[in-house]
Amino acid sequence: LYGIEPHQFELVLSLFYPKNILEHEPQSLADWSSVLHVAHSYSMGQIRTLAISKLESLTSAAEKIELANKYDVKDWLVSAYLELSLRLEGLSVDEGSKVGHRGATMIANMKQQVVEGIKRFVEFETMYE
């Protein structure tokens, strides 16, 4: 299988043939990212949906953007960009590398628009004091 590491394929196989029927062998962010990689590469719809579901709670907003761009998970993009643009602190270097130059620029622009909106609101409110 081109572009697939043996460990990644083993994780997907463990979903079909689990050692313990009550729990999945993939558990970490890295494991489920590997499962998503295989499922996306080989159009395994149900496995892809399962991986996306499991990754939802394991990933940060920046990781969601990175994975969404890589594996076409459009449902994550709006909420992840909103989360990063509405928080007080800026992007860390690690987050910047995950979201990429374009994503970092979008987040900076969104933050600026929020600030401008707040300024307009405050100016409007002070006019009526």
N, C-alpha and C. Protein backbone atom coordinates (compact mmCIF):
# COMPACT_ATOMS: atom_id res chain seq x y z
N LEU A 1 0.84 -1.17 0.00
CA LEU A 1 0.00 0.00 0.00
C LEU A 1 0.89 1.23 0.00
N TYR A 2 0.82 1.97 -1.08
CA TYR A 2 1.67 3.14 -1.26
C TYR A 2 1.30 4.25 -0.28
N GLY A 3 2.29 4.81 0.40
CA GLY A 3 2.07 5.93 1.30
C GLY A 3 1.50 5.55 2.66
N ILE A 4 1.41 4.27 2.93
CA ILE A 4 0.85 3.79 4.20
C ILE A 4 1.92 3.00 4.94
N GLU A 5 2.17 3.37 6.18
CA GLU A 5 3.12 2.64 7.02
C GLU A 5 2.45 1.37 7.54
N PRO A 6 3.21 0.31 7.77
CA PRO A 6 2.62 -0.93 8.30
C PRO A 6 1.82 -0.70 9.59
N HIS A 7 2.34 0.15 10.48
CA HIS A 7 1.64 0.42 11.75
C HIS A 7 0.28 1.06 11.49
N GLN A 8 0.21 1.96 10.51
CA GLN A 8 -1.06 2.62 10.18
C GLN A 8 -2.08 1.59 9.69
N PHE A 9 -1.64 0.68 8.84
CA PHE A 9 -2.54 -0.34 8.32
C PHE A 9 -2.98 -1.29 9.43
N GLU A 10 -2.07 -1.62 10.35
CA GLU A 10 -2.43 -2.48 11.49
C GLU A 10 -3.51 -1.83 12.35
N LEU A 11 -3.43 -0.53 12.54
CA LEU A 11 -4.45 0.17 13.33
C LEU A 11 -5.83 0.06 12.67
N VAL A 12 -5.88 0.20 11.35
CA VAL A 12 -7.16 0.06 10.65
C VAL A 12 -7.65 -1.37 10.74
N LEU A 13 -6.75 -2.33 10.55
CA LEU A 13 -7.16 -3.74 10.67
C LEU A 13 -7.69 -4.06 12.06
N SER A 14 -7.13 -3.41 13.08
CA SER A 14 -7.58 -3.68 14.46
C SER A 14 -9.03 -3.25 14.66
N LEU A 15 -9.53 -2.34 13.82
CA LEU A 15 -10.94 -1.95 13.90
C LEU A 15 -11.84 -3.05 13.35
N PHE A 16 -11.35 -3.77 12.35
CA PHE A 16 -12.11 -4.87 11.77
C PHE A 16 -11.98 -6.15 12.59
N TYR A 17 -10.81 -6.35 13.17
CA TYR A 17 -10.53 -7.55 13.95
C TYR A 17 -9.97 -7.17 15.32
N PRO A 18 -10.81 -6.64 16.19
CA PRO A 18 -10.31 -6.16 17.50
C PRO A 18 -9.90 -7.30 18.42
N LYS A 19 -8.88 -7.03 19.23
CA LYS A 19 -8.49 -7.99 20.26
C LYS A 19 -9.53 -8.01 21.36
N ASN A 20 -10.10 -6.84 21.64
CA ASN A 20 -11.17 -6.71 22.63
C ASN A 20 -12.31 -5.98 21.95
N ILE A 21 -13.45 -6.61 21.84
CA ILE A 21 -14.58 -6.05 21.11
C ILE A 21 -15.11 -4.76 21.74
N LEU A 22 -14.85 -4.55 23.03
CA LEU A 22 -15.40 -3.40 23.75
C LEU A 22 -14.56 -2.13 23.63
N GLU A 23 -13.32 -2.24 23.18
CA GLU A 23 -12.52 -1.02 23.04
C GLU A 23 -11.66 -1.09 21.78
N HIS A 24 -11.48 0.07 21.19
CA HIS A 24 -10.67 0.17 19.97
C HIS A 24 -9.19 0.19 20.33
N GLU A 25 -8.40 -0.42 19.50
CA GLU A 25 -6.96 -0.39 19.72
C GLU A 25 -6.38 1.01 19.50
N PRO A 26 -6.77 1.71 18.43
CA PRO A 26 -6.28 3.09 18.32
C PRO A 26 -6.89 3.94 19.44
N GLN A 27 -6.03 4.71 20.13
CA GLN A 27 -6.54 5.53 21.22
C GLN A 27 -5.98 6.94 21.21
N SER A 28 -4.77 7.11 20.77
CA SER A 28 -4.12 8.42 20.84
C SER A 28 -4.44 9.26 19.61
N LEU A 29 -4.09 10.53 19.70
CA LEU A 29 -4.22 11.44 18.57
C LEU A 29 -3.44 10.90 17.37
N ALA A 30 -2.23 10.44 17.61
CA ALA A 30 -1.40 9.90 16.51
C ALA A 30 -2.05 8.67 15.89
N ASP A 31 -2.60 7.79 16.73
CA ASP A 31 -3.26 6.58 16.22
C ASP A 31 -4.44 6.93 15.33
N TRP A 32 -5.34 7.78 15.83
CA TRP A 32 -6.54 8.11 15.06
C TRP A 32 -6.21 8.95 13.84
N SER A 33 -5.14 9.75 13.90
CA SER A 33 -4.69 10.48 12.71
C SER A 33 -4.21 9.50 11.64
N SER A 34 -3.53 8.45 12.08
CA SER A 34 -3.09 7.40 11.15
C SER A 34 -4.28 6.69 10.52
N VAL A 35 -5.28 6.38 11.34
CA VAL A 35 -6.49 5.73 10.82
C VAL A 35 -7.16 6.65 9.80
N LEU A 36 -7.25 7.94 10.11
CA LEU A 36 -7.86 8.89 9.18
C LEU A 36 -7.06 8.95 7.88
N HIS A 37 -5.75 8.91 7.98
CA HIS A 37 -4.90 8.93 6.79
C HIS A 37 -5.21 7.75 5.88
N VAL A 38 -5.26 6.56 6.45
CA VAL A 38 -5.54 5.35 5.65
C VAL A 38 -6.96 5.42 5.08
N ALA A 39 -7.92 5.77 5.93
CA ALA A 39 -9.32 5.82 5.49
C ALA A 39 -9.52 6.84 4.37
N HIS A 40 -8.87 7.98 4.50
CA HIS A 40 -8.97 9.02 3.46
C HIS A 40 -8.29 8.55 2.17
N SER A 41 -7.14 7.94 2.31
CA SER A 41 -6.37 7.50 1.13
C SER A 41 -7.08 6.42 0.33
N TYR A 42 -7.84 5.57 1.03
CA TYR A 42 -8.48 4.43 0.37
C TYR A 42 -10.01 4.49 0.41
N SER A 43 -10.55 5.69 0.58
CA SER A 43 -12.01 5.92 0.52
C SER A 43 -12.80 4.94 1.38
N MET A 44 -12.40 4.82 2.63
CA MET A 44 -13.10 3.96 3.60
C MET A 44 -14.03 4.86 4.41
N GLY A 45 -15.21 5.10 3.90
CA GLY A 45 -16.13 6.09 4.46
C GLY A 45 -16.47 5.91 5.92
N GLN A 46 -16.85 4.71 6.32
CA GLN A 46 -17.26 4.50 7.71
C GLN A 46 -16.07 4.59 8.66
N ILE A 47 -14.93 4.10 8.25
CA ILE A 47 -13.72 4.19 9.08
C ILE A 47 -13.31 5.66 9.19
N ARG A 48 -13.41 6.40 8.10
CA ARG A 48 -13.10 7.83 8.11
C ARG A 48 -14.02 8.57 9.08
N THR A 49 -15.31 8.27 9.03
CA THR A 49 -16.28 8.90 9.93
C THR A 49 -15.96 8.58 11.38
N LEU A 50 -15.60 7.33 11.66
CA LEU A 50 -15.23 6.93 13.01
C LEU A 50 -13.99 7.68 13.48
N ALA A 51 -12.98 7.76 12.63
CA ALA A 51 -11.74 8.46 12.99
C ALA A 51 -12.02 9.94 13.27
N ILE A 52 -12.82 10.57 12.43
CA ILE A 52 -13.16 11.98 12.63
C ILE A 52 -13.89 12.16 13.95
N SER A 53 -14.80 11.26 14.25
CA SER A 53 -15.54 11.32 15.51
C SER A 53 -14.61 11.20 16.72
N LYS A 54 -13.68 10.27 16.66
CA LYS A 54 -12.74 10.08 17.77
C LYS A 54 -11.77 11.25 17.89
N LEU A 55 -11.34 11.79 16.76
CA LEU A 55 -10.39 12.91 16.78
C LEU A 55 -11.01 14.20 17.29
N GLU A 56 -12.31 14.32 17.19
CA GLU A 56 -13.02 15.54 17.62
C GLU A 56 -12.61 15.96 19.03
N SER A 57 -12.55 15.00 19.95
CA SER A 57 -12.24 15.33 21.35
C SER A 57 -10.74 15.28 21.66
N LEU A 58 -9.95 14.78 20.73
CA LEU A 58 -8.51 14.63 20.98
C LEU A 58 -7.67 15.78 20.43
N THR A 59 -8.27 16.61 19.59
CA THR A 59 -7.50 17.62 18.86
C THR A 59 -7.76 19.04 19.35
N SER A 60 -6.74 19.85 19.25
CA SER A 60 -6.87 21.29 19.50
C SER A 60 -7.44 21.94 18.25
N ALA A 61 -7.78 23.20 18.34
CA ALA A 61 -8.30 23.92 17.18
C ALA A 61 -7.27 23.94 16.04
N ALA A 62 -6.02 24.18 16.36
CA ALA A 62 -4.97 24.21 15.33
C ALA A 62 -4.80 22.84 14.68
N GLU A 63 -4.86 21.79 15.49
CA GLU A 63 -4.75 20.44 14.93
C GLU A 63 -5.95 20.12 14.04
N LYS A 64 -7.13 20.59 14.43
CA LYS A 64 -8.31 20.39 13.59
C LYS A 64 -8.12 21.05 12.23
N ILE A 65 -7.60 22.27 12.22
CA ILE A 65 -7.37 22.97 10.95
C ILE A 65 -6.36 22.20 10.10
N GLU A 66 -5.29 21.75 10.73
CA GLU A 66 -4.27 21.00 10.00
C GLU A 66 -4.86 19.73 9.39
N LEU A 67 -5.57 18.95 10.20
CA LEU A 67 -6.17 17.71 9.70
C LEU A 67 -7.29 17.98 8.70
N ALA A 68 -8.08 19.01 8.95
CA ALA A 68 -9.18 19.35 8.04
C ALA A 68 -8.65 19.70 6.65
N ASN A 69 -7.57 20.45 6.61
CA ASN A 69 -6.98 20.81 5.32
C ASN A 69 -6.35 19.61 4.63
N LYS A 70 -5.76 18.74 5.41
CA LYS A 70 -5.07 17.58 4.84
C LYS A 70 -6.04 16.50 4.37
N TYR A 71 -7.15 16.32 5.13
CA TYR A 71 -8.06 15.20 4.85
C TYR A 71 -9.48 15.66 4.51
N ASP A 72 -9.63 16.92 4.17
CA ASP A 72 -10.91 17.45 3.69
C ASP A 72 -12.05 17.26 4.70
N VAL A 73 -11.81 17.69 5.94
CA VAL A 73 -12.83 17.63 6.99
C VAL A 73 -13.37 19.05 7.17
N LYS A 74 -14.20 19.47 6.23
CA LYS A 74 -14.67 20.86 6.19
C LYS A 74 -15.47 21.25 7.44
N ASP A 75 -16.16 20.30 8.06
CA ASP A 75 -17.00 20.61 9.22
C ASP A 75 -16.22 21.20 10.39
N TRP A 76 -14.93 20.95 10.47
CA TRP A 76 -14.13 21.44 11.58
C TRP A 76 -13.65 22.88 11.38
N LEU A 77 -13.59 23.35 10.16
CA LEU A 77 -12.87 24.59 9.88
C LEU A 77 -13.47 25.83 10.54
N VAL A 78 -14.76 26.05 10.41
CA VAL A 78 -15.36 27.28 10.95
C VAL A 78 -15.17 27.37 12.45
N SER A 79 -15.52 26.31 13.17
CA SER A 79 -15.41 26.37 14.64
C SER A 79 -13.96 26.49 15.09
N ALA A 80 -13.04 25.84 14.40
CA ALA A 80 -11.62 25.92 14.77
C ALA A 80 -11.07 27.32 14.52
N TYR A 81 -11.39 27.90 13.37
CA TYR A 81 -10.94 29.27 13.09
C TYR A 81 -11.55 30.26 14.08
N LEU A 82 -12.84 30.08 14.39
CA LEU A 82 -13.48 30.96 15.37
C LEU A 82 -12.81 30.86 16.73
N GLU A 83 -12.55 29.64 17.16
CA GLU A 83 -11.92 29.45 18.48
C GLU A 83 -10.58 30.18 18.55
N LEU A 84 -9.76 30.04 17.51
CA LEU A 84 -8.44 30.67 17.52
C LEU A 84 -8.51 32.19 17.35
N SER A 85 -9.51 32.67 16.63
CA SER A 85 -9.59 34.11 16.40
C SER A 85 -10.26 34.86 17.54
N LEU A 86 -11.06 34.18 18.35
CA LEU A 86 -11.76 34.86 19.44
C LEU A 86 -11.02 34.82 20.78
N ARG A 87 -10.00 34.01 20.88
CA ARG A 87 -9.27 33.96 22.15
C ARG A 87 -8.32 35.15 22.25
N LEU A 88 -7.92 35.47 23.47
CA LEU A 88 -7.07 36.64 23.70
C LEU A 88 -5.65 36.47 23.17
N GLU A 89 -5.05 35.32 23.42
CA GLU A 89 -3.65 35.14 23.02
C GLU A 89 -3.54 34.82 21.53
N GLY A 90 -2.40 35.16 20.98
CA GLY A 90 -2.13 34.88 19.57
C GLY A 90 -1.74 33.42 19.37
N LEU A 91 -1.37 33.10 18.16
CA LEU A 91 -0.94 31.74 17.84
C LEU A 91 0.46 31.48 18.37
N SER A 92 0.69 30.29 18.88
CA SER A 92 2.04 29.87 19.22
C SER A 92 2.76 29.49 17.93
N VAL A 93 4.06 29.31 18.01
CA VAL A 93 4.84 28.90 16.84
C VAL A 93 4.33 27.55 16.33
N ASP A 94 4.06 26.63 17.26
CA ASP A 94 3.57 25.31 16.88
C ASP A 94 2.21 25.40 16.18
N GLU A 95 1.31 26.22 16.74
CA GLU A 95 0.00 26.40 16.12
C GLU A 95 0.13 27.03 14.73
N GLY A 96 1.02 28.01 14.62
CA GLY A 96 1.26 28.66 13.33
C GLY A 96 1.71 27.67 12.27
N SER A 97 2.58 26.74 12.67
CA SER A 97 3.04 25.74 11.70
C SER A 97 1.91 24.78 11.31
N LYS A 98 1.00 24.52 12.24
CA LYS A 98 -0.13 23.63 11.95
C LYS A 98 -1.16 24.28 11.03
N VAL A 99 -1.48 25.54 11.27
CA VAL A 99 -2.50 26.20 10.45
C VAL A 99 -1.93 26.75 9.14
N GLY A 100 -0.62 26.91 9.08
CA GLY A 100 0.02 27.39 7.86
C GLY A 100 -0.06 28.91 7.73
N HIS A 101 0.67 29.42 6.77
CA HIS A 101 0.73 30.87 6.55
C HIS A 101 -0.64 31.44 6.24
N ARG A 102 -1.37 30.79 5.35
CA ARG A 102 -2.70 31.27 4.96
C ARG A 102 -3.65 31.27 6.17
N GLY A 103 -3.63 30.18 6.93
CA GLY A 103 -4.50 30.09 8.11
C GLY A 103 -4.15 31.13 9.15
N ALA A 104 -2.85 31.34 9.38
CA ALA A 104 -2.42 32.34 10.36
C ALA A 104 -2.86 33.74 9.93
N THR A 105 -2.77 34.01 8.64
CA THR A 105 -3.21 35.31 8.12
C THR A 105 -4.71 35.48 8.29
N MET A 106 -5.47 34.43 8.00
CA MET A 106 -6.93 34.49 8.18
C MET A 106 -7.29 34.76 9.64
N ILE A 107 -6.61 34.08 10.56
CA ILE A 107 -6.88 34.26 11.99
C ILE A 107 -6.54 35.68 12.42
N ALA A 108 -5.41 36.20 11.97
CA ALA A 108 -5.03 37.58 12.30
C ALA A 108 -6.07 38.57 11.77
N ASN A 109 -6.53 38.35 10.55
CA ASN A 109 -7.56 39.23 9.97
C ASN A 109 -8.87 39.14 10.75
N MET A 110 -9.25 37.94 11.15
CA MET A 110 -10.48 37.76 11.93
C MET A 110 -10.36 38.46 13.27
N LYS A 111 -9.20 38.34 13.92
CA LYS A 111 -8.98 39.02 15.20
C LYS A 111 -9.12 40.53 15.02
N GLN A 112 -8.55 41.05 13.95
CA GLN A 112 -8.62 42.49 13.69
C GLN A 112 -10.06 42.93 13.46
N GLN A 113 -10.84 42.14 12.76
CA GLN A 113 -12.25 42.47 12.53
C GLN A 113 -13.04 42.47 13.83
N VAL A 114 -12.72 41.56 14.73
CA VAL A 114 -13.39 41.53 16.04
C VAL A 114 -13.06 42.81 16.80
N VAL A 115 -11.79 43.20 16.81
CA VAL A 115 -11.37 44.42 17.51
C VAL A 115 -12.07 45.64 16.91
N GLU A 116 -12.12 45.72 15.59
CA GLU A 116 -12.80 46.86 14.94
C GLU A 116 -14.28 46.88 15.28
N GLY A 117 -14.91 45.72 15.34
CA GLY A 117 -16.33 45.65 15.71
C GLY A 117 -16.56 46.13 17.13
N ILE A 118 -15.68 45.76 18.04
CA ILE A 118 -15.80 46.21 19.43
C ILE A 118 -15.60 47.72 19.51
N LYS A 119 -14.62 48.24 18.78
CA LYS A 119 -14.39 49.69 18.78
C LYS A 119 -15.62 50.43 18.29
N ARG A 120 -16.21 49.97 17.20
CA ARG A 120 -17.41 50.63 16.66
C ARG A 120 -18.56 50.57 17.67
N PHE A 121 -18.71 49.44 18.33
CA PHE A 121 -19.78 49.28 19.32
C PHE A 121 -19.57 50.25 20.49
N VAL A 122 -18.34 50.32 21.00
CA VAL A 122 -18.04 51.21 22.13
C VAL A 122 -18.24 52.66 21.72
N GLU A 123 -17.79 53.05 20.55
CA GLU A 123 -17.98 54.43 20.08
C GLU A 123 -19.46 54.75 19.93
N PHE A 124 -20.25 53.83 19.43
CA PHE A 124 -21.68 54.02 19.27
C PHE A 124 -22.35 54.19 20.63
N GLU A 125 -21.97 53.35 21.58
CA GLU A 125 -22.56 53.40 22.92
C GLU A 125 -22.21 54.72 23.63
N THR A 126 -20.99 55.22 23.44
CA THR A 126 -20.60 56.46 24.12
C THR A 126 -21.27 57.68 23.51
N MET A 127 -21.76 57.58 22.29
CA MET A 127 -22.47 58.70 21.67
C MET A 127 -23.79 58.97 22.39
N TYR A 128 -24.35 57.98 23.03
CA TYR A 128 -25.68 58.11 23.64
C TYR A 128 -25.62 58.23 25.17
N GLU A 129 -24.50 58.59 25.70
CA GLU A 129 -24.39 58.76 27.16
C GLU A 129 -24.87 60.12 27.58
